N, C-alpha and C. Protein backbone atom coordinates (compact mmCIF):
# COMPACT_ATOMS: atom_id res chain seq x y z
N MET A 1 33.84 -43.81 0.17
CA MET A 1 33.85 -42.50 -0.63
C MET A 1 32.85 -41.78 -0.57
N ILE A 2 32.39 -40.62 -0.52
CA ILE A 2 31.20 -39.74 -0.95
C ILE A 2 31.60 -39.30 -2.30
N ALA A 3 30.35 -39.46 -2.80
CA ALA A 3 30.04 -38.38 -4.15
C ALA A 3 30.35 -37.09 -4.32
N SER A 4 30.40 -36.26 -4.82
CA SER A 4 30.02 -35.18 -4.58
C SER A 4 29.13 -34.71 -5.70
N ALA A 5 28.04 -34.30 -5.45
CA ALA A 5 27.04 -33.62 -6.58
C ALA A 5 27.79 -32.62 -7.43
N ALA A 6 27.89 -32.55 -8.87
CA ALA A 6 28.25 -31.34 -9.65
C ALA A 6 27.57 -30.25 -9.43
N ALA A 7 28.62 -29.17 -9.41
CA ALA A 7 28.00 -27.72 -8.98
C ALA A 7 27.25 -27.37 -10.24
N PRO A 8 26.23 -26.72 -9.65
CA PRO A 8 25.20 -26.40 -10.76
C PRO A 8 25.42 -25.39 -11.62
N THR A 9 25.35 -25.02 -13.09
CA THR A 9 25.83 -24.50 -13.90
C THR A 9 25.03 -22.82 -13.78
N PRO A 10 25.95 -21.43 -13.60
CA PRO A 10 25.32 -20.75 -13.14
C PRO A 10 24.17 -20.06 -14.67
N THR A 11 23.36 -19.57 -14.29
CA THR A 11 22.43 -18.86 -15.21
C THR A 11 22.13 -17.54 -15.43
N ARG A 12 22.06 -16.90 -16.41
CA ARG A 12 21.53 -15.41 -16.13
C ARG A 12 20.20 -15.37 -15.78
N PRO A 13 19.62 -14.85 -14.72
CA PRO A 13 18.28 -14.88 -14.36
C PRO A 13 17.27 -14.03 -15.39
N TRP A 14 16.06 -14.76 -16.07
CA TRP A 14 15.50 -14.48 -16.94
C TRP A 14 15.20 -12.60 -17.06
N GLY A 15 15.22 -11.95 -16.24
CA GLY A 15 14.50 -10.41 -15.68
C GLY A 15 16.03 -9.61 -16.34
N ALA A 16 17.11 -10.18 -16.25
CA ALA A 16 18.22 -9.45 -16.71
C ALA A 16 18.04 -8.97 -18.05
N SER A 17 17.77 -9.65 -19.10
CA SER A 17 17.61 -9.10 -20.24
C SER A 17 16.39 -7.89 -20.58
N ARG A 18 15.56 -7.41 -19.53
CA ARG A 18 14.61 -6.46 -19.61
C ARG A 18 15.45 -5.44 -18.84
N LEU A 19 16.30 -5.52 -18.37
CA LEU A 19 17.08 -4.28 -17.44
C LEU A 19 17.50 -3.39 -18.59
N ALA A 20 17.31 -1.93 -18.24
CA ALA A 20 17.89 -1.09 -19.14
C ALA A 20 18.03 0.15 -17.89
N PRO A 21 18.98 1.25 -18.81
CA PRO A 21 19.69 2.04 -17.80
C PRO A 21 18.67 3.34 -17.60
N TYR A 22 18.74 3.86 -16.40
CA TYR A 22 17.42 4.80 -16.33
C TYR A 22 17.40 5.68 -17.01
N PRO A 23 16.47 6.72 -17.55
CA PRO A 23 16.21 7.79 -18.30
C PRO A 23 17.06 8.85 -17.58
N THR A 24 17.47 9.93 -18.65
CA THR A 24 18.26 10.84 -18.17
C THR A 24 17.38 11.42 -17.23
N THR A 25 17.82 12.20 -16.19
CA THR A 25 16.93 13.09 -15.25
C THR A 25 16.76 14.23 -15.16
N THR A 26 16.04 14.88 -14.87
CA THR A 26 15.70 16.55 -14.85
C THR A 26 15.89 17.06 -13.57
N HIS A 27 15.87 18.23 -13.51
CA HIS A 27 16.06 18.75 -12.51
C HIS A 27 14.45 19.44 -12.34
N LEU A 28 14.15 19.24 -11.02
CA LEU A 28 12.96 19.37 -10.39
C LEU A 28 12.68 20.80 -10.36
N PRO A 29 11.41 21.65 -10.71
CA PRO A 29 11.20 23.02 -10.57
C PRO A 29 10.85 23.43 -9.23
N HIS A 30 10.88 22.89 -8.48
CA HIS A 30 10.40 23.51 -7.15
C HIS A 30 11.69 22.71 -5.80
N ALA A 31 11.57 23.42 -4.90
CA ALA A 31 12.69 23.63 -3.92
C ALA A 31 12.48 23.07 -2.67
N SER A 32 11.08 23.47 -2.43
CA SER A 32 10.26 22.65 -1.27
C SER A 32 8.83 22.83 -1.14
N VAL A 33 8.33 21.86 -0.46
CA VAL A 33 6.85 21.63 -0.39
C VAL A 33 6.38 21.74 0.74
N SER A 34 5.12 22.53 0.93
CA SER A 34 4.63 22.43 2.54
C SER A 34 2.94 22.15 2.35
N ILE A 35 2.55 22.03 3.69
CA ILE A 35 0.91 21.95 3.18
C ILE A 35 0.30 23.37 3.52
N HIS A 36 -1.06 23.63 2.70
CA HIS A 36 -1.52 24.87 3.09
C HIS A 36 -2.42 24.69 4.32
N PRO A 37 -2.49 25.13 5.47
CA PRO A 37 -3.24 24.35 6.68
C PRO A 37 -4.80 24.84 6.28
N GLU A 38 -5.49 25.69 5.19
CA GLU A 38 -6.98 25.62 5.37
C GLU A 38 -7.26 24.56 3.97
N THR A 39 -6.73 24.74 3.15
CA THR A 39 -7.14 23.77 2.23
C THR A 39 -6.33 22.15 2.33
N GLN A 40 -5.32 21.95 2.89
CA GLN A 40 -4.83 21.07 2.96
C GLN A 40 -3.90 20.22 1.48
N LEU A 41 -3.86 21.58 0.40
CA LEU A 41 -3.14 21.23 -0.47
C LEU A 41 -1.76 21.31 -0.24
N GLY A 42 -0.75 20.81 -1.26
CA GLY A 42 0.98 21.00 -1.08
C GLY A 42 0.79 22.13 -2.28
N ILE A 43 2.04 23.02 -1.35
CA ILE A 43 2.34 24.40 -1.87
C ILE A 43 3.72 23.95 -2.44
N PHE A 44 4.22 24.17 -3.77
CA PHE A 44 5.60 23.74 -3.87
C PHE A 44 6.28 25.54 -4.32
N LEU A 45 7.27 25.51 -3.73
CA LEU A 45 7.95 26.54 -4.01
C LEU A 45 9.24 26.30 -4.52
N ASP A 46 9.62 27.29 -5.43
CA ASP A 46 11.05 27.53 -6.22
C ASP A 46 12.00 27.91 -5.15
N ARG A 47 13.37 28.23 -5.50
CA ARG A 47 14.81 28.43 -4.74
C ARG A 47 14.50 29.92 -4.16
N ASN A 48 13.73 30.54 -5.01
CA ASN A 48 13.42 32.08 -4.53
C ASN A 48 12.33 32.44 -3.86
N GLY A 49 11.34 31.34 -3.23
CA GLY A 49 10.37 31.27 -2.75
C GLY A 49 8.85 31.61 -3.31
N ARG A 50 8.90 31.29 -4.87
CA ARG A 50 7.38 31.94 -5.69
C ARG A 50 6.97 30.32 -5.55
N VAL A 51 5.88 30.23 -5.83
CA VAL A 51 5.11 29.37 -5.99
C VAL A 51 5.15 29.05 -7.18
N VAL A 52 5.27 27.52 -7.70
CA VAL A 52 5.37 27.08 -8.77
C VAL A 52 4.10 25.79 -8.90
N GLU A 53 3.62 26.43 -10.00
CA GLU A 53 2.44 25.32 -10.46
C GLU A 53 2.68 23.95 -10.79
N MET A 54 2.19 23.06 -10.43
CA MET A 54 2.92 21.45 -10.48
C MET A 54 1.58 21.02 -11.35
N GLY A 55 0.32 21.59 -11.82
CA GLY A 55 -0.48 21.00 -12.63
C GLY A 55 -1.41 20.11 -11.83
N LYS A 56 -2.62 20.01 -12.67
CA LYS A 56 -3.67 19.06 -11.38
C LYS A 56 -3.60 17.75 -11.97
N HIS A 57 -4.09 17.06 -10.63
CA HIS A 57 -3.88 15.68 -11.02
C HIS A 57 -5.69 15.15 -10.52
N GLY A 58 -5.91 14.35 -11.51
CA GLY A 58 -7.51 13.91 -11.02
C GLY A 58 -7.57 12.82 -9.91
N THR A 59 -8.69 12.46 -9.28
CA THR A 59 -9.12 11.73 -8.05
C THR A 59 -9.76 10.73 -9.04
N SER A 60 -9.69 9.99 -8.20
CA SER A 60 -10.66 8.80 -8.64
C SER A 60 -11.27 8.05 -7.40
N SER A 61 -12.23 7.46 -7.53
CA SER A 61 -12.76 6.54 -6.42
C SER A 61 -13.76 5.19 -7.12
N GLY A 62 -13.93 3.80 -6.28
CA GLY A 62 -14.66 2.79 -7.11
C GLY A 62 -15.01 2.09 -5.66
N THR A 63 -16.36 1.52 -6.20
CA THR A 63 -17.00 0.49 -5.33
C THR A 63 -16.55 -0.84 -5.83
N GLU A 64 -16.77 -1.72 -5.05
CA GLU A 64 -17.34 -3.10 -5.57
C GLU A 64 -17.92 -4.29 -4.67
N THR A 65 -18.64 -4.63 -4.96
CA THR A 65 -19.59 -6.16 -4.19
C THR A 65 -18.52 -6.96 -4.01
N SER A 66 -19.16 -7.51 -2.50
CA SER A 66 -17.98 -8.85 -2.22
C SER A 66 -19.03 -10.16 -2.90
N THR A 67 -17.91 -10.99 -2.95
CA THR A 67 -18.83 -12.39 -3.37
C THR A 67 -18.82 -13.46 -2.38
N SER A 68 -20.07 -14.02 -2.01
CA SER A 68 -20.17 -14.68 -1.00
C SER A 68 -20.72 -16.23 -1.67
N THR A 69 -20.59 -16.97 -0.90
CA THR A 69 -20.71 -18.58 -1.26
C THR A 69 -21.80 -19.05 0.26
N SER A 70 -22.47 -19.99 -0.49
CA SER A 70 -23.15 -20.51 0.64
C SER A 70 -22.51 -21.26 1.61
N PRO A 71 -23.20 -21.36 3.00
CA PRO A 71 -22.56 -22.30 4.06
C PRO A 71 -21.91 -23.39 3.66
N ASP A 72 -22.69 -24.03 3.08
CA ASP A 72 -22.54 -25.77 2.59
C ASP A 72 -21.42 -25.94 1.66
N GLY A 73 -20.93 -24.78 0.75
CA GLY A 73 -20.35 -24.79 0.16
C GLY A 73 -20.71 -25.10 -1.46
N GLN A 74 -22.37 -25.25 -1.67
CA GLN A 74 -22.52 -25.50 -2.80
C GLN A 74 -22.96 -24.06 -3.31
N SER A 75 -22.74 -24.03 -4.52
CA SER A 75 -22.95 -23.01 -5.34
C SER A 75 -24.34 -22.38 -5.55
N GLY A 76 -25.33 -22.81 -5.45
CA GLY A 76 -26.69 -22.47 -5.40
C GLY A 76 -26.99 -21.16 -4.85
N ASN A 77 -26.08 -20.59 -3.67
CA ASN A 77 -26.68 -18.86 -3.00
C ASN A 77 -25.50 -18.19 -3.62
N ASP A 78 -24.70 -18.45 -4.62
CA ASP A 78 -23.49 -17.66 -4.79
C ASP A 78 -23.94 -16.38 -5.35
N GLN A 79 -23.20 -15.23 -5.02
CA GLN A 79 -23.42 -14.16 -5.31
C GLN A 79 -22.24 -13.53 -6.58
N GLY A 80 -23.02 -13.00 -7.11
CA GLY A 80 -21.63 -12.40 -8.29
C GLY A 80 -20.94 -10.88 -8.17
N SER A 81 -20.63 -10.61 -8.26
CA SER A 81 -19.50 -8.98 -8.35
C SER A 81 -19.43 -8.14 -9.19
N ASP A 82 -19.39 -7.52 -8.94
CA ASP A 82 -18.98 -5.87 -10.04
C ASP A 82 -18.54 -5.12 -9.77
N GLN A 83 -17.79 -4.04 -10.26
CA GLN A 83 -17.27 -3.01 -10.31
C GLN A 83 -17.31 -2.11 -10.96
N ASP A 84 -17.33 -0.87 -10.14
CA ASP A 84 -17.69 0.72 -10.98
C ASP A 84 -16.48 1.44 -10.44
N SER A 85 -16.42 2.75 -11.44
CA SER A 85 -15.23 3.67 -10.68
C SER A 85 -15.91 5.09 -11.21
N ASN A 86 -15.42 6.10 -10.71
CA ASN A 86 -15.60 7.38 -11.25
C ASN A 86 -14.10 8.21 -11.25
N GLN A 87 -13.94 8.83 -12.12
CA GLN A 87 -12.65 9.76 -12.22
C GLN A 87 -12.76 10.90 -12.99
N ASP A 88 -12.22 11.93 -11.94
CA ASP A 88 -12.59 13.56 -12.63
C ASP A 88 -11.14 13.71 -13.20
């Protein structure tokens, strides 16, 4: 006779306690978006074809130096790493 293993007890996933309903949605003030051919910026239009100002968004850039290890795996030639960033 083959003994059967006990069925695992179902447990609630740990992340389920963090779930919440989505916040109330709001109607967006634009009906369509197109790209201006010269500036390559988005143009948001309302249902009447008028331009809707969507506010300004900043841009950012960053650089990072790489870390390298010596060919023999020793730490004598290790280079450090650093980062910098700029945001408008």
